């Protein structure tokens, strides 16, 4: 078994030990940002939406450039169309971030609903096995959350996206600290 002192003597170990403070610091910053997102979910949702839109714009530009670069290959029109649609979607979300956040809320609700139905069906197929009820609970909880999101849509979209962003940031910070 390798000890911390043995690791510190090797170049890889020195990097691991010296980077520990940075990982813990990053973890703390992520947790604080996550708590901030939970306290002000609307701002977090808009930030998440703008970030996603920026990625779509960048991806659309890259797709268009790739399509132009490889225009001699078959499927140029489809690649170009895909790039233009991705770029337009990103620009549309950047211009109308509230609509983009509302769309994300609907998308999350839809995923929860479909996943909940799938897990509920899976639990019924697992029924004779022990602890199948946990899968059923997960499926029914997902369906319930999806219905609540859909009932409150679009008004709850900002809160849903902001809270999910907050929990993700907290989780990302926690694993960095735990693994340090």
Protein backbone atom coordinates (compact mmCIF):
# COMPACT_ATOMS: atom_id res chain seq x y z
CA UNK A 1 0.00 0.00 0.00
CA UNK A 2 1.34 3.44 -0.92
CA UNK A 3 1.45 6.08 1.78
CA UNK A 4 1.14 9.83 1.37
CA UNK A 5 4.85 10.24 2.17
CA UNK A 6 5.80 7.79 -0.61
CA UNK A 7 3.52 9.61 -3.07
CA UNK A 8 5.02 12.97 -2.15
CA UNK A 9 8.48 11.66 -3.15
CA UNK A 10 7.38 10.94 -6.74
CA UNK A 11 6.74 13.65 -9.36
CA UNK A 12 3.11 12.53 -9.77
CA UNK A 13 2.68 12.45 -6.01
CA UNK A 14 4.12 15.93 -5.66
CA UNK A 15 1.58 17.23 -8.17
CA UNK A 16 -1.22 15.40 -6.36
CA UNK A 17 -0.25 16.77 -2.95
CA UNK A 18 0.47 20.31 -4.20
CA UNK A 19 -2.83 20.50 -6.12
CA UNK A 20 -4.85 19.37 -3.12
CA UNK A 21 -5.37 22.90 -1.82
CA UNK A 22 -6.56 24.08 -5.23
CA UNK A 23 -9.06 21.20 -5.49
CA UNK A 24 -10.40 21.93 -2.02
CA UNK A 25 -10.58 25.64 -2.83
CA UNK A 26 -12.43 24.92 -6.10
CA UNK A 27 -14.78 22.61 -4.23
CA UNK A 28 -15.57 25.32 -1.68
CA UNK A 29 -16.16 27.90 -4.43
CA UNK A 30 -18.48 25.50 -6.29
CA UNK A 31 -20.45 24.77 -3.10
CA UNK A 32 -20.78 28.49 -2.36
CA UNK A 33 -21.94 29.13 -5.94
CA UNK A 34 -24.41 26.26 -5.59
CA UNK A 35 -25.80 27.72 -2.38
CA UNK A 36 -26.08 31.09 -4.13
CA UNK A 37 -27.94 29.42 -6.99
CA UNK A 38 -30.36 27.84 -4.51
CA UNK A 39 -30.95 31.23 -2.86
CA UNK A 40 -31.46 33.08 -6.17
CA UNK A 41 -32.52 30.35 -8.63
CA UNK A 42 -33.81 32.81 -11.21
CA UNK A 43 -30.35 34.33 -11.74
CA UNK A 44 -28.76 30.87 -11.83
CA UNK A 45 -31.30 29.74 -14.42
CA UNK A 46 -30.57 32.74 -16.63
CA UNK A 47 -26.83 32.13 -16.29
CA UNK A 48 -27.27 28.47 -17.20
CA UNK A 49 -29.46 29.42 -20.16
CA UNK A 50 -26.99 32.01 -21.47
CA UNK A 51 -24.12 29.52 -21.07
CA UNK A 52 -26.06 26.86 -23.01
CA UNK A 53 -26.92 29.40 -25.71
CA UNK A 54 -23.26 30.40 -26.02
CA UNK A 55 -22.29 26.76 -26.49
CA UNK A 56 -24.96 26.40 -29.19
CA UNK A 57 -23.68 29.51 -31.01
CA UNK A 58 -20.10 28.24 -30.85
CA UNK A 59 -21.17 24.75 -31.96
CA UNK A 60 -23.23 26.19 -34.82
CA UNK A 61 -20.30 28.27 -36.08
CA UNK A 62 -18.03 25.20 -35.89
CA UNK A 63 -20.59 23.07 -37.76
CA UNK A 64 -20.92 25.68 -40.50
CA UNK A 65 -17.14 25.96 -40.83
CA UNK A 66 -16.84 22.17 -41.00
CA UNK A 67 -19.58 21.95 -43.63
CA UNK A 68 -17.88 24.57 -45.78
CA UNK A 69 -14.49 22.94 -45.32
CA UNK A 70 -15.85 19.50 -46.36
CA UNK A 71 -18.33 20.71 -49.01
CA UNK A 72 -16.94 18.28 -51.59
CA UNK A 73 -18.19 15.35 -49.50
CA UNK A 74 -21.69 13.99 -49.71
CA UNK A 75 -24.21 15.56 -47.31
CA UNK A 76 -22.91 19.13 -47.47
CA UNK A 77 -26.43 20.58 -47.44
CA UNK A 78 -27.44 18.62 -44.35
CA UNK A 79 -24.29 19.59 -42.45
CA UNK A 80 -24.72 23.24 -43.40
CA UNK A 81 -28.41 23.19 -42.46
CA UNK A 82 -27.60 21.57 -39.11
CA UNK A 83 -24.98 24.22 -38.38
CA UNK A 84 -27.28 27.07 -39.33
CA UNK A 85 -30.13 25.68 -37.19
CA UNK A 86 -27.80 25.21 -34.20
CA UNK A 87 -26.48 28.76 -34.62
CA UNK A 88 -30.00 30.19 -34.92
CA UNK A 89 -31.18 28.27 -31.85
CA UNK A 90 -28.27 29.61 -29.83
CA UNK A 91 -28.86 33.17 -31.03
CA UNK A 92 -32.58 32.86 -30.33
CA UNK A 93 -31.92 31.75 -26.76
CA UNK A 94 -29.37 34.56 -26.29
CA UNK A 95 -31.89 37.13 -27.55
CA UNK A 96 -34.77 35.69 -25.49
CA UNK A 97 -33.22 34.02 -22.42
CA UNK A 98 -36.51 33.82 -20.49
CA UNK A 99 -38.10 31.85 -23.31
CA UNK A 100 -34.98 29.66 -23.42
CA UNK A 101 -35.20 29.00 -19.67
CA UNK A 102 -38.90 28.18 -19.99
CA UNK A 103 -38.07 25.73 -22.77
CA UNK A 104 -35.39 24.11 -20.61
CA UNK A 105 -37.92 23.73 -17.79
CA UNK A 106 -40.33 21.98 -20.14
CA UNK A 107 -37.53 19.76 -21.41
CA UNK A 108 -36.53 18.76 -17.85
CA UNK A 109 -40.16 18.03 -17.01
CA UNK A 110 -40.51 15.88 -20.12
CA UNK A 111 -37.38 13.89 -19.30
CA UNK A 112 -38.57 13.33 -15.73
CA UNK A 113 -41.97 12.19 -16.96
CA UNK A 114 -40.66 9.73 -19.57
CA UNK A 115 -37.97 8.44 -17.19
CA UNK A 116 -40.54 8.04 -14.42
CA UNK A 117 -42.83 6.00 -16.63
CA UNK A 118 -39.90 3.80 -17.71
CA UNK A 119 -38.81 3.19 -14.09
CA UNK A 120 -42.37 2.48 -12.99
CA UNK A 121 -42.73 -0.15 -15.72
CA UNK A 122 -39.31 -1.56 -14.81
CA UNK A 123 -40.33 -1.81 -11.15
CA UNK A 124 -43.46 -3.76 -12.04
CA UNK A 125 -41.34 -6.20 -14.05
CA UNK A 126 -38.95 -6.53 -11.09
CA UNK A 127 -41.84 -7.07 -8.67
CA UNK A 128 -40.97 -10.49 -7.29
CA UNK A 129 -37.40 -9.36 -6.52
CA UNK A 130 -36.50 -7.81 -3.18
CA UNK A 131 -36.48 -3.99 -2.94
CA UNK A 132 -38.37 -3.51 -6.20
CA UNK A 133 -40.41 -0.90 -4.34
CA UNK A 134 -37.46 1.54 -4.38
CA UNK A 135 -37.52 1.57 -8.18
CA UNK A 136 -41.29 2.09 -8.07
CA UNK A 137 -40.84 4.95 -5.60
CA UNK A 138 -38.24 6.57 -7.87
CA UNK A 139 -40.51 6.25 -10.89
CA UNK A 140 -43.57 7.66 -9.13
CA UNK A 141 -41.53 10.50 -7.61
CA UNK A 142 -40.17 11.41 -11.06
CA UNK A 143 -43.68 11.42 -12.52
CA UNK A 144 -44.96 13.57 -9.64
CA UNK A 145 -42.12 16.08 -10.07
CA UNK A 146 -42.76 16.18 -13.82
CA UNK A 147 -46.46 16.84 -13.30
CA UNK A 148 -45.67 19.63 -10.81
CA UNK A 149 -43.25 21.21 -13.30
CA UNK A 150 -45.82 20.96 -16.10
CA UNK A 151 -48.64 22.40 -13.97
CA UNK A 152 -46.54 25.41 -13.02
CA UNK A 153 -44.95 25.82 -16.46
CA UNK A 154 -43.69 28.29 -17.63
CA UNK A 155 -43.67 30.16 -14.30
CA UNK A 156 -41.69 27.50 -12.46
CA UNK A 157 -39.07 27.02 -15.18
CA UNK A 158 -36.61 29.54 -13.77
CA UNK A 159 -36.83 28.03 -10.31
CA UNK A 160 -36.51 24.45 -11.58
CA UNK A 161 -33.47 25.20 -13.74
CA UNK A 162 -31.88 27.36 -11.01
CA UNK A 163 -32.38 24.75 -8.28
CA UNK A 164 -31.02 21.96 -10.49
CA UNK A 165 -28.00 24.13 -11.30
CA UNK A 166 -27.50 24.80 -7.58
CA UNK A 167 -27.65 21.13 -6.63
CA UNK A 168 -25.27 20.25 -9.45
CA UNK A 169 -22.75 22.87 -8.31
CA UNK A 170 -22.95 21.66 -4.70
CA UNK A 171 -22.48 18.05 -5.81
CA UNK A 172 -19.52 18.98 -8.03
CA UNK A 173 -17.91 20.87 -5.16
CA UNK A 174 -18.49 18.09 -2.65
CA UNK A 175 -16.85 15.35 -4.72
CA UNK A 176 -13.82 17.54 -5.33
CA UNK A 177 -13.38 18.07 -1.60
CA UNK A 178 -14.05 14.42 -0.73
CA UNK A 179 -11.54 13.17 -3.31
CA UNK A 180 -8.89 15.63 -2.14
